[in-house]
Every structure is written in C-alpha cells, then in structure tokens.
Amino acid sequence: MDSKLTDKLSNSIFVISGFLTLLILVIVVGFILINGVPALDFEFLLSNPINSGKSGGIFPMILSTVYLMIITALIAIPIGVGSSVYISEYETNEKLINGIRFISQVLSAVPSIVFGLFGLAFLVFFLKMNWSILAGGIVLALMAIPTIFQVSEVALQSIPNGYRECCYAIGASKWQCIISVLLPIALPGIFTGIILAITRAISEAAAVMYVVGSSLDIPISIFDTGRPLPLHLYILASEGISMDNAYGTAAVLIIMVLLITLFSNGVVNGYQKKLMGC
C-alpha cells in the first residue's frame, strides 16, 4: 500500500477516534447539565434534604463528599507516591518489584463493590469502626493507591539517569536527589495520577454504600455517618424518589470533577512553565 495513502488513512482514523471521544463526552456531560442545572440554586446547594431527598437540598452530601476526598488524599497520596519512590529508587530485587506491580495491577482491576464489601467486613465489623465517613475514606484510598502508584512510577522512571548521576557527582545523597531533583521533575505526572485517582474515588457509589452509612444529617466529624453525592444520586434514581433532584445531584458532581480537573491542569501547566523558566 502506498505510504501516503497509509498516512492519510491513519490520520483519518485518529481524527475520527478523537472526534468520537469528544462527542461522547459532550453528549453525556451535556445531557446531565441540561437536565440538572435548572435544579441548581442556593437553596438546593445549601439546605438539607427533606422527605428522603424528594425535596430540599444536598448540602450534607456535598460536605460528606469533601470529607471523603480529603481523607482519601491524605491516605492515598503518601502511600502511592512513597511506594513508587521505593520501587523506582531503592528496591533492586526484580522479583519483588514485579510482584508489587502485579498486585497493583490486580487491585486496579478489582470491582469497586468488592472494596466496599471488604470495608464492611474488615473496617465496620472486625475493627468496629462502625459506619462512618472515615471508613468510607479508607476504602476509597485503597482504590486510589494503585493508580497513584502506577502513574508515579512511570513519571519517575521516565527521568533520564543523567539527573541522578549529576546529583551523585556533586556529593548529594540518594534522599537529597529524590527530594530536590527527581520528585520536582516528576511532579506534573504524579499530580496527574493523583487527580485521576481522587476524582474517580469521589465518584464511586458502590465502594462506599456499605461503609459510609446513609445519613441525611450534616456530618459534624469524620466519625459520623454520611451520604456522599454518588450514593445520594444512586438512591434518588434507583428508588424513584426524585429524578429532578437526581439530575441536580449529578450536575453538582460533574461540576465538582470538572473544576478539580481544570484547577489541577492549571497548576500543572504553571509548574511546568516555572520549571522550564518560562
């Protein structure tokens, strides 16, 4: 086949694939926003639900989601990034490295509801943590760690060895090299993995429905039960309580994810420009 024809065919396939991806995104997000935005007002965002969510607002759900996001980040980021540093810079046993990678891949493929059942059996019943936002945050952190680990490891391994050799040549220790050189260079990739993991975690309903409870009250602390936005959306839609409020809840969740993604992209782009001296 002629090379020019092959290039045109390949370009057409890539363009069509990109267009279809964008089209699907616009259709899904647009459908939710068109049906959900009309329900959004200050009363809906800042008031408590009434009649199991048939009327009223979703403020306790927003607060529960924020709590879960913070707990997930505080647990998952140090473990995920720390384990990637250990694998990339310290461990030399290939069998152990491959074993950790395999376990991480398996955990990434485990359905979210399995994490929820594990949290119910181990955290709620065995450790007697009871249904709480803290238990839900731990479960979501377990889901987020493999993604953060895998993306962070790729980001660290993509750094040329010349940077490491320069560090050691001027007398820097391994720890100083990691903290002062490697992590700052890999930070954009690591940050992207963190955002992917956290946004996926806060959008899960199946993982938390068994451990976080289903309270409609405002959670005062992380030891209280709660009802995050995905779980509230699932209950409203599956039980037919209020499709209008379900669409409104979905719109709020999508807007939160979009804002987090846009903010993180802005931070990463700004950091990369600063790193390059632009």
Protein backbone atom coordinates (compact mmCIF):
# COMPACT_ATOMS: atom_id res chain seq x y z
CA MET A 1 0.00 0.00 0.00
CA ASP A 2 1.23 3.49 -0.86
CA SER A 3 2.81 5.25 2.14
CA LYS A 4 0.89 8.49 1.53
CA LEU A 5 -2.40 6.59 1.42
CA THR A 6 -1.44 4.77 4.62
CA ASP A 7 -0.66 8.09 6.35
CA LYS A 8 -3.97 9.59 5.24
CA LEU A 9 -5.89 6.52 6.41
CA SER A 10 -4.10 6.52 9.78
CA ASN A 11 -4.69 10.24 10.26
CA SER A 12 -8.37 9.81 9.40
CA ILE A 13 -8.74 7.00 11.94
CA PHE A 14 -7.07 9.08 14.66
CA VAL A 15 -9.17 12.15 13.85
CA ILE A 16 -12.39 10.14 13.87
CA SER A 17 -11.41 8.47 17.17
CA GLY A 18 -10.68 11.83 18.77
CA PHE A 19 -13.91 13.32 17.43
CA LEU A 20 -15.98 10.38 18.69
CA THR A 21 -14.36 10.64 22.13
CA LEU A 22 -15.14 14.34 22.30
CA LEU A 23 -18.67 13.76 21.01
CA ILE A 24 -19.41 11.11 23.65
CA LEU A 25 -18.09 13.40 26.37
CA VAL A 26 -20.18 16.33 25.16
CA ILE A 27 -23.33 14.18 24.89
CA VAL A 28 -23.00 12.65 28.36
CA VAL A 29 -21.94 15.82 30.19
CA GLY A 30 -24.31 17.99 28.18
CA PHE A 31 -27.31 15.73 28.87
CA ILE A 32 -26.64 15.75 32.61
CA LEU A 33 -26.06 19.50 32.77
CA ILE A 34 -29.10 20.35 30.63
CA ASN A 35 -31.34 18.32 32.93
CA GLY A 36 -29.55 19.15 36.17
CA VAL A 37 -28.57 22.82 36.02
CA PRO A 38 -32.20 24.08 36.22
CA ALA A 39 -32.45 22.48 39.68
CA LEU A 40 -29.37 24.28 40.97
CA ASP A 41 -29.90 27.28 43.20
CA PHE A 42 -28.66 28.42 46.61
CA GLU A 43 -31.47 26.60 48.40
CA PHE A 44 -30.61 23.33 46.66
CA LEU A 45 -26.89 23.69 47.38
CA LEU A 46 -27.06 24.99 50.96
CA SER A 47 -30.12 23.33 52.55
CA ASN A 48 -30.79 19.89 53.99
CA PRO A 49 -32.82 17.24 52.13
CA ILE A 50 -36.47 16.77 53.02
CA ASN A 51 -38.59 13.62 52.62
CA SER A 52 -35.58 11.37 51.90
CA GLY A 53 -34.32 13.81 49.30
CA LYS A 54 -37.57 14.28 47.40
CA SER A 55 -37.27 17.98 48.13
CA GLY A 56 -34.81 20.27 49.87
CA GLY A 57 -31.11 20.44 49.12
CA ILE A 58 -27.90 18.45 49.14
CA PHE A 59 -25.58 20.39 51.47
CA PRO A 60 -24.87 17.38 53.76
CA MET A 61 -23.99 15.32 50.68
CA ILE A 62 -21.56 17.95 49.41
CA LEU A 63 -19.91 18.12 52.83
CA SER A 64 -19.68 14.31 53.03
CA THR A 65 -18.05 14.22 49.59
CA VAL A 66 -15.49 16.86 50.58
CA TYR A 67 -14.67 14.92 53.76
CA LEU A 68 -14.18 11.74 51.74
CA MET A 69 -11.98 13.49 49.21
CA ILE A 70 -9.71 14.91 51.92
CA ILE A 71 -9.39 11.59 53.77
CA THR A 72 -8.71 9.74 50.54
CA ALA A 73 -5.99 12.19 49.55
CA LEU A 74 -4.32 12.19 52.97
CA ILE A 75 -4.06 8.39 52.99
CA ALA A 76 -3.54 7.51 49.32
CA ILE A 77 -1.02 10.16 48.23
CA PRO A 78 1.78 9.39 50.73
CA ILE A 79 1.41 5.63 50.29
CA GLY A 80 1.08 5.72 46.49
CA VAL A 81 3.93 8.17 45.88
CA GLY A 82 6.11 6.64 48.60
CA SER A 83 5.76 3.13 47.20
CA SER A 84 6.62 4.36 43.70
CA VAL A 85 9.77 6.04 45.03
CA TYR A 86 10.73 2.82 46.82
CA ILE A 87 10.24 0.72 43.68
CA SER A 88 12.00 3.18 41.37
CA GLU A 89 14.92 4.30 43.51
CA TYR A 90 15.60 1.80 46.30
CA GLU A 91 14.47 -1.75 45.58
CA THR A 92 16.72 -3.84 43.32
CA ASN A 93 15.07 -7.26 43.65
CA GLU A 94 13.29 -7.74 40.32
CA LYS A 95 11.03 -10.48 41.65
CA LEU A 96 9.78 -8.27 44.46
CA ILE A 97 9.34 -5.32 42.09
CA ASN A 98 7.36 -7.41 39.62
CA GLY A 99 5.30 -8.84 42.47
CA ILE A 100 4.36 -5.38 43.74
CA ARG A 101 3.49 -4.26 40.22
CA PHE A 102 1.34 -7.34 39.68
CA ILE A 103 -0.54 -6.77 42.94
CA SER A 104 -1.09 -3.13 41.99
CA GLN A 105 -2.49 -4.16 38.60
CA VAL A 106 -4.80 -6.69 40.21
CA LEU A 107 -6.07 -4.11 42.70
CA SER A 108 -6.74 -1.68 39.85
CA ALA A 109 -8.94 -4.30 38.18
CA VAL A 110 -10.93 -5.24 41.28
CA PRO A 111 -14.56 -4.01 41.05
CA SER A 112 -15.36 -1.17 43.42
CA ILE A 113 -18.15 -3.12 45.11
CA VAL A 114 -15.56 -5.69 46.26
CA PHE A 115 -13.69 -2.91 48.04
CA GLY A 116 -16.97 -1.92 49.64
CA LEU A 117 -17.65 -5.45 50.89
CA PHE A 118 -14.08 -5.66 52.22
CA GLY A 119 -14.61 -2.39 54.08
CA LEU A 120 -17.86 -3.66 55.55
CA ALA A 121 -16.32 -6.92 56.76
CA PHE A 122 -12.94 -5.62 57.92
CA LEU A 123 -13.42 -1.98 58.89
CA VAL A 124 -17.02 -1.88 60.09
CA PHE A 125 -17.39 -5.31 61.68
CA PHE A 126 -13.88 -6.58 62.50
CA LEU A 127 -12.25 -3.29 63.55
CA LYS A 128 -15.59 -1.99 64.85
CA MET A 129 -15.20 1.39 63.19
CA ASN A 130 -18.95 1.45 62.55
CA TRP A 131 -20.45 3.10 59.50
CA SER A 132 -18.61 6.38 59.13
CA ILE A 133 -17.05 8.79 56.67
CA LEU A 134 -13.63 7.69 57.92
CA ALA A 135 -14.31 4.08 56.91
CA GLY A 136 -15.51 5.27 53.51
CA GLY A 137 -12.38 7.38 53.06
CA ILE A 138 -10.14 4.41 53.85
CA VAL A 139 -11.96 2.25 51.30
CA LEU A 140 -11.64 4.93 48.62
CA ALA A 141 -7.95 5.38 49.48
CA LEU A 142 -7.38 1.67 48.89
CA MET A 143 -8.91 2.12 45.45
CA ALA A 144 -6.84 5.22 44.69
CA ILE A 145 -3.43 3.91 45.78
CA PRO A 146 -2.80 1.61 42.74
CA THR A 147 -3.46 4.40 40.24
CA ILE A 148 -1.25 6.88 42.06
CA PHE A 149 1.48 4.25 42.42
CA GLN A 150 1.46 3.23 38.76
CA VAL A 151 1.41 6.77 37.34
CA SER A 152 4.05 8.00 39.80
CA GLU A 153 6.35 5.09 39.00
CA VAL A 154 6.11 5.83 35.26
CA ALA A 155 6.80 9.52 35.92
CA LEU A 156 9.91 8.71 37.98
CA GLN A 157 11.26 6.11 35.57
CA SER A 158 10.87 8.48 32.63
CA ILE A 159 13.51 10.79 34.15
CA PRO A 160 16.88 10.25 32.42
CA ASN A 161 19.57 8.69 34.60
CA GLY A 162 21.80 11.68 33.86
CA TYR A 163 19.95 13.66 36.52
CA ARG A 164 20.75 11.03 39.11
CA GLU A 165 24.38 10.83 38.05
CA CYS A 166 24.75 14.61 38.29
CA CYS A 167 23.32 14.56 41.81
CA TYR A 168 25.72 11.88 42.98
CA ALA A 169 28.63 13.60 41.23
CA ILE A 170 28.23 16.72 43.38
CA GLY A 171 28.02 14.64 46.55
CA ALA A 172 24.24 14.58 47.09
CA SER A 173 22.76 11.61 48.89
CA LYS A 174 20.03 9.47 47.34
CA TRP A 175 17.40 11.11 49.56
CA GLN A 176 18.58 14.60 48.61
CA CYS A 177 18.49 13.64 44.95
CA ILE A 178 14.93 12.32 45.27
CA ILE A 179 13.59 15.31 47.19
CA SER A 180 15.44 18.09 45.38
CA VAL A 181 15.59 16.80 41.81
CA LEU A 182 13.57 13.72 40.92
CA LEU A 183 10.25 14.48 42.63
CA PRO A 184 10.11 18.10 41.37
CA ILE A 185 10.73 16.90 37.80
CA ALA A 186 8.18 14.07 38.09
CA LEU A 187 5.62 16.22 39.92
CA PRO A 188 3.43 17.05 36.88
CA GLY A 189 2.99 13.35 36.09
CA ILE A 190 2.47 12.45 39.75
CA PHE A 191 -0.10 15.22 40.14
CA THR A 192 -1.99 13.96 37.10
CA GLY A 193 -2.16 10.47 38.62
CA ILE A 194 -3.38 11.90 41.91
CA ILE A 195 -6.19 13.83 40.23
CA LEU A 196 -7.24 10.79 38.19
CA ALA A 197 -7.35 8.63 41.31
CA ILE A 198 -9.12 11.14 43.56
CA THR A 199 -11.78 12.15 41.02
CA ARG A 200 -12.52 8.50 40.29
CA ALA A 201 -12.71 7.72 44.01
CA ILE A 202 -15.15 10.51 44.87
CA SER A 203 -17.41 9.41 42.00
CA GLU A 204 -17.85 5.90 43.40
CA ALA A 205 -21.15 4.84 44.94
CA ALA A 206 -20.73 1.06 45.17
CA ALA A 207 -17.48 1.31 47.14
CA VAL A 208 -18.94 3.42 49.95
CA MET A 209 -22.57 2.34 50.14
CA TYR A 210 -21.69 -0.45 52.61
CA VAL A 211 -19.37 1.52 54.88
CA VAL A 212 -20.29 5.19 54.98
CA GLY A 213 -23.90 4.85 56.08
CA SER A 214 -26.81 6.74 54.58
CA SER A 215 -27.48 9.62 56.93
CA LEU A 216 -29.19 12.74 55.63
CA ASP A 217 -27.86 14.83 58.51
CA ILE A 218 -24.90 17.16 58.27
CA PRO A 219 -21.76 15.22 59.28
CA ILE A 220 -20.01 17.02 62.11
CA SER A 221 -16.87 14.89 62.06
CA ILE A 222 -15.32 12.10 60.04
CA PHE A 223 -16.62 9.59 62.60
CA ASP A 224 -20.24 10.38 61.70
CA THR A 225 -22.22 8.61 59.03
CA GLY A 226 -22.88 10.44 55.81
CA ARG A 227 -24.20 10.17 52.29
CA PRO A 228 -21.81 11.37 49.56
CA LEU A 229 -23.12 12.71 46.28
CA PRO A 230 -22.74 9.50 44.20
CA LEU A 231 -24.60 7.44 46.80
CA HIS A 232 -27.33 10.08 47.12
CA LEU A 233 -27.69 10.14 43.34
CA TYR A 234 -27.94 6.36 43.22
CA ILE A 235 -30.63 6.26 45.92
CA LEU A 236 -32.68 9.06 44.35
CA ALA A 237 -32.62 7.43 40.90
CA SER A 238 -32.89 3.76 41.83
CA GLU A 239 -35.76 4.26 44.27
CA GLY A 240 -37.54 6.80 42.07
CA ILE A 241 -37.60 9.41 44.82
CA SER A 242 -36.93 12.43 42.62
CA MET A 243 -35.36 12.39 39.17
CA ASP A 244 -35.14 16.20 39.15
CA ASN A 245 -33.01 16.17 42.30
CA ALA A 246 -31.06 13.20 40.92
CA TYR A 247 -30.13 15.18 37.83
CA GLY A 248 -29.27 18.17 40.02
CA THR A 249 -27.02 16.00 42.20
CA ALA A 250 -25.34 14.54 39.12
CA ALA A 251 -24.76 18.04 37.76
CA VAL A 252 -23.11 19.13 41.01
CA LEU A 253 -20.87 16.05 40.98
CA ILE A 254 -19.83 16.64 37.37
CA ILE A 255 -19.17 20.31 38.04
CA MET A 256 -17.01 19.41 41.05
CA VAL A 257 -14.97 16.96 38.96
CA LEU A 258 -14.60 19.49 36.13
CA LEU A 259 -13.47 22.24 38.50
CA ILE A 260 -10.94 19.96 40.19
CA THR A 261 -9.62 18.85 36.80
CA LEU A 262 -9.38 22.40 35.43
CA PHE A 263 -7.68 23.67 38.59
CA SER A 264 -5.20 20.79 38.62
CA ASN A 265 -4.37 21.29 34.93
CA GLY A 266 -3.76 24.97 35.59
CA VAL A 267 -1.45 24.17 38.50
CA VAL A 268 0.46 21.56 36.47
CA ASN A 269 0.85 23.85 33.45
CA GLY A 270 2.00 26.72 35.65
CA TYR A 271 4.51 24.48 37.42
CA GLN A 272 5.89 23.15 34.14
CA LYS A 273 6.39 26.71 32.83
CA LYS A 274 8.14 27.67 36.04
CA LEU A 275 10.30 24.53 35.87
CA MET A 276 11.31 25.40 32.30
CA GLY A 277 11.99 29.01 33.22
CA CYS A 278 9.24 30.40 31.01
